[in-house]
Amino acid sequence: MSASAPTRVLVLGADAAGMSAAHQALRTARRTGRELAVTVLDKGTHTSYSACGIPYWMAGDVGSGDDLVARTADEHREAGIDLRLGVEVVAADLAARTVTTADGERVAYDELVVATGAPASVPDWALGPDGACWDGIGVVKTLDDGAAWRERFAAAGDGAHVVVVGAGYVGVEVAEAAMRHGFGVTVLTRGRGMSMLEDELAERVDLALCEAGAEVVLGVEVTGVDVVDGRVTGVQWEGGSREADLVVVAIGVRPATGFLAGSGVEMADNGALRPDPHGRVAEHLWAAGDCCEVRRRIDDTWVFRPLGTHAAKHGRALGDSLAGGTLSFDGMVDSSITRFALGEVYLEIARTGLSRRDAEAAGLDPVALLTEGTTASGYMPEAEPIAIWVMADRSSRRLLGVQVVGGHGAGKRVDAAAAVLWAGGTVDDLAWMDLAYAPPFATAWEVLQIAARRVAERL
């Protein structure tokens, strides 16, 4: 009697979620005694790299794109994964359990893992007649993008001006990178800067950018670009324009799930998939990473948050479950962080939990206060300003959200708040929990706890 054939696992996508799933599936299979043959297809040329590190490579903090690669293609193959790069999947037949590549090849599978990520959104005004971006315009998403920006920055002359379209995390980080090279920078956004923050904190980020020398234009939408001989020379918006040598588009991303069109798989309006905590979407179909929405535990809603932290965790849980394990990715509490650092201007920016708008949409009765203090005891040279916004529900006293903007050491304070949110705790839990203290690191009453205590007293 012949041994049964191994289960054919086909993973689409070779970055955080896909490769976490592939490796964990093989590890768990060895433990559970299952036989798996894992194949990974990716249309790109790189694997397992930190897209979040690209702005710091552009700035010069990271010496090489290779430094951003956690595991090379050869290392994946040595682990027993059949990795094929430069292969784009354009269609899937879920009933027949096959996918079709751009060159017409049909690849069969027993279990399909969709980890195709989310490429950067590119507006029509950025594109030339050939469908590619005009010379001098680009996005910041892949290692190839990072390399292209390094070349553009190196070729730009003194006095070059960079327009950054978008003022979210990537927009702020890229603005810093451009200014570190001595370029003039204009940041354009159709809303307000750092829209994931409450107004009183977002304003502090805008002011920091201006203090560092950037021009910040809020509430405008780009209507077109000026182009000479195929190269961008300026950006236009209703009521204004700016000359530009380079234009960075940082307006968000969109899930790469177009190949599933017509498959019958339920997707969100933007094309994102909604896998369960083990990564299952449907029979023989799994998904994880930036092509998915994630469940926010606080209000039990699905939200699109394409972050590497979620991708790695969900991919690991998926791979374990696919191979007979029990790991699960049980949602998130909406935590994120960045910084803006240029010369004397240094600002850490972080948040966790709901915004006021989120809380009201969930039918809660939020009470929020902004508290100002210092990151260390006031008599210490390390002490820098910090502003902390804390929100809780009036009736249940449950902690709902915390946002922080401040100097060195400010941002990671949200982690303590995130732990309380994860456990479903109250603002009183945050106010009275045991946090570490020494004068170089905090005040005797930690400023985060003072902020929580003030909200608790208001309740």
Protein backbone atom coordinates (compact mmCIF):
# COMPACT_ATOMS: atom_id res chain seq x y z
CA MET A 1 0.00 0.00 0.00
CA SER A 2 1.53 3.31 -1.10
CA ALA A 3 1.80 6.29 1.22
CA SER A 4 -0.69 9.07 0.61
CA ALA A 5 0.54 12.12 -1.27
CA PRO A 6 1.41 15.19 0.82
CA THR A 7 -1.15 17.97 1.10
CA ARG A 8 -0.35 20.66 -1.47
CA VAL A 9 -0.34 24.05 0.25
CA LEU A 10 -0.15 26.99 -2.14
CA VAL A 11 0.70 30.35 -0.59
CA LEU A 12 0.26 33.55 -2.60
CA GLY A 13 2.57 36.22 -1.23
CA ALA A 14 6.12 35.96 0.13
CA ASP A 15 6.25 38.63 2.79
CA ALA A 16 5.32 38.69 6.48
CA ALA A 17 1.99 36.86 6.47
CA GLY A 18 2.72 34.40 3.69
CA MET A 19 6.15 33.29 4.84
CA SER A 20 5.09 33.19 8.52
CA ALA A 21 2.26 30.89 7.47
CA ALA A 22 4.50 28.72 5.29
CA HIS A 23 7.19 28.18 7.91
CA GLN A 24 4.77 27.66 10.79
CA ALA A 25 2.79 25.13 8.74
CA LEU A 26 5.96 23.09 8.20
CA ARG A 27 6.97 23.33 11.86
CA THR A 28 3.54 22.26 13.07
CA ALA A 29 3.32 19.50 10.46
CA ARG A 30 6.48 17.94 11.86
CA ARG A 31 4.82 17.91 15.28
CA THR A 32 1.43 16.64 14.14
CA GLY A 33 2.79 14.09 11.69
CA ARG A 34 1.22 15.65 8.61
CA GLU A 35 2.90 15.69 5.22
CA LEU A 36 2.85 19.07 3.50
CA ALA A 37 4.30 20.29 0.22
CA VAL A 38 4.44 24.08 0.47
CA THR A 39 4.74 26.26 -2.62
CA VAL A 40 4.88 30.06 -2.46
CA LEU A 41 4.26 32.34 -5.45
CA ASP A 42 5.02 36.05 -5.43
CA LYS A 43 5.03 38.52 -8.30
CA GLY A 44 7.84 40.54 -6.74
CA THR A 45 11.56 39.93 -6.42
CA HIS A 46 12.04 40.17 -2.64
CA THR A 47 10.86 38.20 0.37
CA SER A 48 10.30 38.84 4.07
CA TYR A 49 11.37 42.47 4.19
CA SER A 50 10.41 45.39 6.42
CA ALA A 51 8.36 47.84 4.38
CA CYS A 52 8.11 49.94 7.55
CA GLY A 53 11.87 50.45 7.43
CA ILE A 54 11.93 51.91 3.91
CA PRO A 55 11.51 55.60 4.96
CA TYR A 56 14.49 55.18 7.30
CA TRP A 57 16.52 53.70 4.45
CA MET A 58 15.51 56.72 2.37
CA ALA A 59 16.64 59.01 5.21
CA GLY A 60 20.02 57.29 5.50
CA ASP A 61 19.48 55.67 8.91
CA VAL A 62 19.58 52.22 7.26
CA GLY A 63 22.63 51.55 5.12
CA SER A 64 21.22 49.05 2.62
CA GLY A 65 17.97 47.53 1.48
CA ASP A 66 19.50 44.16 2.36
CA ASP A 67 19.43 45.23 6.00
CA LEU A 68 15.63 45.27 5.81
CA VAL A 69 15.40 41.63 4.68
CA ALA A 70 14.62 39.25 7.55
CA ARG A 71 15.04 36.07 5.50
CA THR A 72 16.27 35.70 1.91
CA ALA A 73 14.70 33.62 -0.84
CA ASP A 74 17.51 31.08 -0.55
CA GLU A 75 16.93 30.73 3.18
CA HIS A 76 13.25 30.02 2.58
CA ARG A 77 14.11 27.38 0.00
CA GLU A 78 16.64 25.77 2.31
CA ALA A 79 13.81 25.36 4.83
CA GLY A 80 11.91 23.21 2.36
CA ILE A 81 9.66 25.78 0.71
CA ASP A 82 9.24 25.81 -3.06
CA LEU A 83 9.48 29.59 -3.50
CA ARG A 84 8.87 31.03 -6.96
CA LEU A 85 9.38 34.78 -7.46
CA GLY A 86 8.25 36.87 -10.40
CA VAL A 87 5.02 34.90 -10.68
CA GLU A 88 1.74 36.84 -10.65
CA VAL A 89 -1.57 35.08 -10.05
CA VAL A 90 -4.40 36.63 -12.07
CA ALA A 91 -7.32 34.26 -11.42
CA ALA A 92 -8.47 31.52 -9.07
CA ASP A 93 -10.92 28.66 -9.59
CA LEU A 94 -11.87 27.70 -6.06
CA ALA A 95 -14.06 24.80 -7.16
CA ALA A 96 -11.29 23.23 -9.22
CA ARG A 97 -8.67 24.30 -6.67
CA THR A 98 -6.38 25.92 -9.19
CA VAL A 99 -4.91 29.36 -9.77
CA THR A 100 -3.83 30.82 -13.09
CA THR A 101 -0.66 32.88 -13.48
CA ALA A 102 -0.09 35.83 -15.79
CA ASP A 103 1.77 33.59 -18.26
CA GLY A 104 -1.13 31.13 -18.42
CA GLU A 105 0.17 28.40 -16.12
CA ARG A 106 -2.41 26.65 -13.94
CA VAL A 107 -1.18 25.63 -10.50
CA ALA A 108 -3.21 23.11 -8.50
CA TYR A 109 -3.50 23.04 -4.72
CA ASP A 110 -5.28 21.33 -1.86
CA GLU A 111 -5.19 24.35 0.46
CA LEU A 112 -4.84 27.95 -0.77
CA VAL A 113 -3.37 30.71 1.42
CA VAL A 114 -3.97 34.27 0.21
CA ALA A 115 -1.33 36.62 1.60
CA THR A 116 -1.06 38.95 -1.37
CA GLY A 117 -0.75 42.14 0.67
CA ALA A 118 -1.88 45.59 -0.35
CA PRO A 119 -0.02 47.67 -2.95
CA ALA A 120 0.08 51.43 -2.65
CA SER A 121 -2.83 53.38 -4.10
CA VAL A 122 -1.83 55.52 -7.07
CA PRO A 123 -4.23 58.26 -8.25
CA ASP A 124 -4.86 58.90 -11.94
CA TRP A 125 -3.09 62.26 -11.87
CA ALA A 126 0.20 60.50 -11.07
CA LEU A 127 0.07 58.30 -14.16
CA GLY A 128 1.31 58.94 -17.66
CA PRO A 129 -0.26 57.59 -20.87
CA ASP A 130 1.62 54.29 -20.50
CA GLY A 131 0.00 53.63 -17.13
CA ALA A 132 3.23 54.15 -15.19
CA CYS A 133 3.96 57.08 -12.89
CA TRP A 134 5.43 60.18 -14.46
CA ASP A 135 9.18 60.48 -13.95
CA GLY A 136 9.80 61.90 -10.48
CA ILE A 137 6.58 60.53 -8.97
CA GLY A 138 6.44 57.35 -6.92
CA VAL A 139 5.13 55.48 -3.91
CA VAL A 140 6.87 53.98 -0.88
CA LYS A 141 5.89 50.32 -0.47
CA THR A 142 8.47 47.84 -1.77
CA LEU A 143 12.24 47.51 -1.62
CA ASP A 144 12.31 48.44 -5.31
CA ASP A 145 10.46 51.64 -4.41
CA GLY A 146 13.01 52.36 -1.71
CA ALA A 147 15.90 51.82 -4.11
CA ALA A 148 14.27 54.11 -6.66
CA TRP A 149 13.86 56.86 -4.06
CA ARG A 150 17.46 56.52 -2.95
CA GLU A 151 18.51 57.06 -6.58
CA ARG A 152 16.15 60.02 -7.02
CA PHE A 153 17.37 61.65 -3.82
CA ALA A 154 20.99 61.16 -4.85
CA ALA A 155 20.35 62.70 -8.27
CA ALA A 156 18.35 65.67 -7.00
CA GLY A 157 20.36 68.87 -6.88
CA ASP A 158 20.67 71.42 -4.11
CA GLY A 159 17.46 73.31 -3.62
CA ALA A 160 15.27 70.46 -4.86
CA HIS A 161 11.69 70.48 -3.61
CA VAL A 162 9.72 67.37 -2.65
CA VAL A 163 5.93 67.35 -2.42
CA VAL A 164 4.52 64.62 -0.18
CA VAL A 165 0.87 63.85 -0.87
CA GLY A 166 -0.61 62.33 2.28
CA ALA A 167 0.05 63.10 5.94
CA GLY A 168 -0.40 59.75 7.65
CA TYR A 169 2.41 57.71 9.11
CA VAL A 170 4.24 57.15 5.82
CA GLY A 171 3.76 60.75 4.74
CA VAL A 172 5.30 62.09 7.95
CA GLU A 173 8.17 59.59 7.84
CA VAL A 174 8.96 60.37 4.20
CA ALA A 175 8.80 64.11 4.86
CA GLU A 176 11.46 63.60 7.52
CA ALA A 177 13.56 61.53 5.12
CA ALA A 178 13.44 64.21 2.41
CA MET A 179 14.27 67.00 4.84
CA ARG A 180 17.21 65.02 6.19
CA HIS A 181 18.67 65.31 2.67
CA GLY A 182 18.24 69.07 2.79
CA PHE A 183 15.31 69.22 0.37
CA GLY A 184 12.44 71.63 0.70
CA VAL A 185 9.24 69.78 1.57
CA THR A 186 5.55 70.50 1.12
CA VAL A 187 3.06 68.11 2.71
CA LEU A 188 -0.43 68.08 1.18
CA THR A 189 -3.44 66.32 2.66
CA ARG A 190 -7.12 66.44 1.82
CA GLY A 191 -8.10 66.34 5.49
CA ARG A 192 -5.89 67.16 8.42
CA GLY A 193 -2.50 65.77 9.21
CA MET A 194 -2.35 62.45 11.09
CA SER A 195 -6.09 61.96 10.81
CA MET A 196 -5.93 58.89 13.08
CA LEU A 197 -5.29 61.28 15.99
CA GLU A 198 -7.72 63.58 17.74
CA ASP A 199 -7.57 67.20 16.58
CA GLU A 200 -5.65 68.56 19.57
CA LEU A 201 -2.86 66.01 19.08
CA ALA A 202 -2.81 66.11 15.27
CA GLU A 203 -2.23 69.87 15.50
CA ARG A 204 0.95 69.26 17.48
CA VAL A 205 2.30 67.07 14.68
CA ASP A 206 1.47 69.71 12.07
CA LEU A 207 3.24 72.35 14.16
CA ALA A 208 6.32 70.14 14.54
CA LEU A 209 6.53 69.70 10.76
CA CYS A 210 6.27 73.46 10.29
CA GLU A 211 8.82 74.14 13.03
CA ALA A 212 11.24 71.82 11.22
CA GLY A 213 10.78 73.82 8.03
CA ALA A 214 8.13 71.94 6.10
CA GLU A 215 5.16 73.60 4.45
CA VAL A 216 1.93 71.88 5.51
CA VAL A 217 -1.20 72.45 3.41
CA LEU A 218 -4.36 70.98 4.94
CA GLY A 219 -7.77 70.34 3.45
CA VAL A 220 -6.75 70.20 -0.21
CA GLU A 221 -6.94 67.52 -2.85
CA VAL A 222 -4.47 67.28 -5.69
CA THR A 223 -6.15 67.93 -9.05
CA GLY A 224 -3.20 67.43 -11.37
CA VAL A 225 0.51 67.74 -11.99
CA ASP A 226 2.66 69.81 -14.31
CA VAL A 227 4.84 67.70 -16.59
CA VAL A 228 7.65 68.71 -18.93
CA ASP A 229 9.22 66.08 -21.22
CA GLY A 230 7.63 63.31 -19.18
CA ARG A 231 8.94 64.58 -15.85
CA VAL A 232 6.92 66.16 -13.05
CA THR A 233 7.62 69.83 -12.40
CA GLY A 234 4.74 70.84 -10.18
CA VAL A 235 1.58 69.87 -8.30
CA GLN A 236 -1.79 71.57 -8.55
CA TRP A 237 -4.76 71.69 -6.21
CA GLU A 238 -7.88 73.79 -6.12
CA GLY A 239 -6.73 77.26 -5.18
CA GLY A 240 -3.01 76.60 -5.28
CA SER A 241 0.05 74.94 -6.77
CA ARG A 242 3.65 74.21 -5.92
CA GLU A 243 6.72 73.58 -8.04
CA ALA A 244 8.11 70.13 -7.42
CA ASP A 245 11.17 68.15 -8.45
CA LEU A 246 9.86 64.99 -6.82
CA VAL A 247 6.40 63.86 -5.67
CA VAL A 248 5.82 61.11 -3.11
CA VAL A 249 2.34 59.57 -3.13
CA ALA A 250 1.42 58.31 0.35
CA ILE A 251 -2.38 58.14 0.33
CA GLY A 252 -2.85 54.56 1.49
CA VAL A 253 -3.04 51.02 0.12
CA ARG A 254 -5.64 48.67 -1.30
CA PRO A 255 -5.87 44.86 -0.85
CA ALA A 256 -4.50 42.83 -3.76
CA THR A 257 -7.49 40.52 -4.14
CA GLY A 258 -8.63 41.35 -7.68
CA PHE A 259 -7.78 37.83 -8.84
CA LEU A 260 -10.63 36.56 -6.64
CA ALA A 261 -13.24 38.59 -8.51
CA GLY A 262 -16.16 36.37 -9.45
CA SER A 263 -15.05 33.59 -7.12
CA GLY A 264 -17.97 34.05 -4.76
CA VAL A 265 -15.75 34.85 -1.79
CA GLU A 266 -17.21 37.51 0.50
CA MET A 267 -15.04 40.62 0.68
CA ALA A 268 -15.28 44.09 2.19
CA ASP A 269 -16.03 47.07 -0.03
CA ASN A 270 -12.30 47.68 -0.58
CA GLY A 271 -11.68 44.04 -1.47
CA ALA A 272 -10.31 42.95 1.91
CA LEU A 273 -10.95 39.40 3.13
CA ARG A 274 -12.28 38.55 6.57
CA PRO A 275 -10.63 35.35 7.86
CA ASP A 276 -11.51 33.83 11.21
CA PRO A 277 -8.92 33.82 14.05
CA HIS A 278 -7.31 30.70 12.55
CA GLY A 279 -7.07 32.27 9.08
CA ARG A 280 -9.95 30.40 7.44
CA VAL A 281 -12.06 32.21 4.87
CA ALA A 282 -13.88 29.25 3.31
CA GLU A 283 -13.30 25.55 2.75
CA HIS A 284 -9.71 25.08 1.54
CA LEU A 285 -9.23 28.88 1.49
CA TRP A 286 -7.15 30.78 4.05
CA ALA A 287 -5.92 34.37 4.26
CA ALA A 288 -3.79 36.68 6.39
CA GLY A 289 -1.94 39.97 6.21
CA ASP A 290 -2.55 43.28 4.48
CA CYS A 291 -5.12 41.81 2.10
CA CYS A 292 -7.40 41.27 5.12
CA GLU A 293 -9.40 43.24 7.61
CA VAL A 294 -8.83 42.52 11.29
CA ARG A 295 -11.26 42.42 14.20
CA ARG A 296 -10.96 45.25 16.69
CA ARG A 297 -11.69 43.73 20.07
CA ILE A 298 -12.91 46.87 21.81
CA ASP A 299 -16.02 47.41 19.68
CA ASP A 300 -16.02 44.05 17.84
CA THR A 301 -15.81 45.61 14.40
CA TRP A 302 -13.84 44.75 11.28
CA VAL A 303 -11.31 47.40 10.27
CA PHE A 304 -8.60 47.61 7.61
CA ARG A 305 -5.25 48.07 9.36
CA PRO A 306 -2.43 46.86 7.09
CA LEU A 307 0.38 46.50 9.63
CA GLY A 308 3.25 44.05 9.76
CA THR A 309 2.48 43.16 13.38
CA HIS A 310 -0.96 41.83 12.45
CA ALA A 311 0.38 40.10 9.33
CA ALA A 312 3.07 38.16 11.19
CA LYS A 313 0.75 37.07 14.00
CA HIS A 314 -2.15 36.07 11.78
CA GLY A 315 0.17 34.28 9.37
CA ARG A 316 1.71 32.26 12.19
CA ALA A 317 -1.70 31.29 13.57
CA LEU A 318 -2.89 30.38 10.08
CA GLY A 319 0.09 28.13 9.37
CA ASP A 320 -0.31 26.36 12.70
CA SER A 321 -4.06 25.79 12.22
CA LEU A 322 -3.64 24.61 8.63
CA ALA A 323 -1.25 21.90 9.81
CA GLY A 324 -3.46 20.71 12.68
CA GLY A 325 -2.52 23.13 15.46
CA THR A 326 -4.72 25.42 17.55
CA LEU A 327 -3.06 28.86 17.45
CA SER A 328 -5.37 31.79 16.83
CA PHE A 329 -5.04 35.51 16.14
CA ASP A 330 -7.63 37.05 18.42
CA GLY A 331 -7.84 40.54 16.98
CA MET A 332 -6.18 43.78 17.97
CA VAL A 333 -6.82 47.03 19.83
CA ASP A 334 -5.63 49.46 17.12
CA SER A 335 -2.13 50.31 18.38
CA SER A 336 0.37 52.17 16.21
CA ILE A 337 3.40 54.43 16.59
CA THR A 338 5.86 56.58 14.64
CA ARG A 339 8.11 59.58 15.11
CA PHE A 340 9.22 62.78 13.43
CA ALA A 341 12.84 63.73 14.11
CA LEU A 342 14.78 66.54 12.48
CA GLY A 343 17.43 68.60 14.22
CA GLU A 344 16.01 70.07 17.42
CA VAL A 345 12.50 68.87 16.55
CA TYR A 346 11.69 65.44 17.90
CA LEU A 347 8.20 64.04 18.33
CA GLU A 348 6.92 60.54 19.09
CA ILE A 349 3.37 59.86 17.96
CA ALA A 350 1.35 56.88 19.19
CA ARG A 351 -2.20 55.70 19.73
CA THR A 352 -4.19 52.70 20.86
CA GLY A 353 -7.89 51.98 21.04
CA LEU A 354 -10.84 53.89 19.65
CA SER A 355 -11.13 57.47 18.50
CA ARG A 356 -13.97 59.59 19.81
CA ARG A 357 -15.77 59.08 16.51
CA ASP A 358 -15.33 55.29 16.78
CA ALA A 359 -16.73 55.29 20.31
CA GLU A 360 -19.77 57.31 19.37
CA ALA A 361 -20.41 55.09 16.35
CA ALA A 362 -20.35 52.08 18.69
CA GLY A 363 -23.10 53.63 20.82
CA LEU A 364 -20.79 54.37 23.76
CA ASP A 365 -20.78 57.51 25.90
CA PRO A 366 -17.13 58.61 25.78
CA VAL A 367 -15.47 60.99 28.21
CA ALA A 368 -12.02 62.22 27.18
CA LEU A 369 -9.42 64.61 28.56
CA LEU A 370 -6.02 65.85 27.38
CA THR A 371 -3.29 65.93 30.04
CA GLU A 372 0.14 67.52 29.69
CA GLY A 373 3.25 66.63 31.64
CA THR A 374 6.84 65.47 31.22
CA THR A 375 8.40 62.18 30.19
CA ALA A 376 10.70 62.16 33.24
CA SER A 377 10.89 63.94 36.58
CA GLY A 378 11.02 67.67 35.89
CA TYR A 379 14.41 68.15 37.52
CA MET A 380 16.04 65.56 35.23
CA PRO A 381 17.73 66.57 31.96
CA GLU A 382 15.78 63.82 30.19
CA ALA A 383 12.43 65.47 30.92
CA GLU A 384 10.57 66.44 27.74
CA PRO A 385 6.99 67.56 27.15
CA ILE A 386 4.28 64.95 26.65
CA ALA A 387 0.57 65.25 25.92
CA ILE A 388 -1.72 62.29 26.64
CA TRP A 389 -5.35 61.96 25.58
CA VAL A 390 -7.36 59.36 27.49
CA MET A 391 -10.94 58.29 26.78
CA ALA A 392 -13.27 56.03 28.77
CA ASP A 393 -16.93 55.03 28.69
CA ARG A 394 -19.05 56.99 31.16
CA SER A 395 -21.30 54.18 32.38
CA SER A 396 -18.95 51.17 32.42
CA ARG A 397 -15.72 53.12 33.12
CA ARG A 398 -14.08 50.88 30.49
CA LEU A 399 -10.94 52.33 28.96
CA LEU A 400 -11.58 53.09 25.28
CA GLY A 401 -8.54 54.85 23.88
CA VAL A 402 -5.22 56.55 24.57
CA GLN A 403 -3.16 58.80 22.30
CA VAL A 404 0.28 60.25 22.98
CA VAL A 405 2.42 62.95 21.39
CA GLY A 406 5.68 63.95 23.05
CA GLY A 407 9.44 63.81 23.29
CA HIS A 408 11.88 60.95 23.77
CA GLY A 409 10.27 58.06 25.63
CA ALA A 410 6.70 59.28 25.13
CA GLY A 411 5.38 56.96 22.47
CA LYS A 412 5.78 53.48 23.94
CA ARG A 413 3.66 54.49 26.92
CA VAL A 414 0.69 53.42 24.84
CA ASP A 415 1.75 49.80 25.37
CA ALA A 416 0.60 49.89 28.99
CA ALA A 417 -2.74 51.27 27.82
CA ALA A 418 -2.93 48.64 25.08
CA ALA A 419 -2.53 45.91 27.70
CA VAL A 420 -5.48 47.30 29.64
CA LEU A 421 -7.54 47.55 26.46
CA TRP A 422 -6.64 43.99 25.49
CA ALA A 423 -7.92 42.75 28.84
CA GLY A 424 -11.09 44.86 28.66
CA GLY A 425 -10.01 46.85 31.72
CA THR A 426 -11.22 50.15 33.10
CA VAL A 427 -9.66 53.56 33.26
CA ASP A 428 -9.22 52.87 36.99
CA ASP A 429 -7.10 49.81 36.15
CA LEU A 430 -4.80 52.02 34.10
CA ALA A 431 -4.71 54.72 36.79
CA TRP A 432 -3.73 52.33 39.58
CA MET A 433 -1.70 49.54 37.92
CA ASP A 434 1.91 49.06 39.00
CA LEU A 435 4.24 50.81 36.55
CA ALA A 436 7.99 51.27 36.92
CA TYR A 437 9.39 54.55 38.23
CA ALA A 438 12.77 56.23 38.48
CA PRO A 439 13.41 59.95 37.86
CA PRO A 440 15.11 59.50 34.44
CA PHE A 441 12.09 57.59 33.12
CA ALA A 442 8.93 58.95 34.72
CA THR A 443 7.40 61.09 37.39
CA ALA A 444 6.44 59.49 40.73
CA TRP A 445 2.85 59.59 39.54
CA GLU A 446 3.41 58.38 35.98
CA VAL A 447 1.93 60.95 33.59
CA LEU A 448 -0.08 58.25 31.81
CA GLN A 449 -1.68 57.36 35.12
CA ILE A 450 -2.30 60.98 36.00
CA ALA A 451 -4.13 61.31 32.69
CA ALA A 452 -6.18 58.19 33.43
CA ARG A 453 -6.91 59.32 36.98
CA ARG A 454 -8.23 62.67 35.75
CA VAL A 455 -10.66 60.91 33.44
CA ALA A 456 -11.69 58.54 36.25
CA GLU A 457 -12.40 61.52 38.49
CA ARG A 458 -14.45 63.15 35.75
CA LEU A 459 -16.56 60.00 35.49
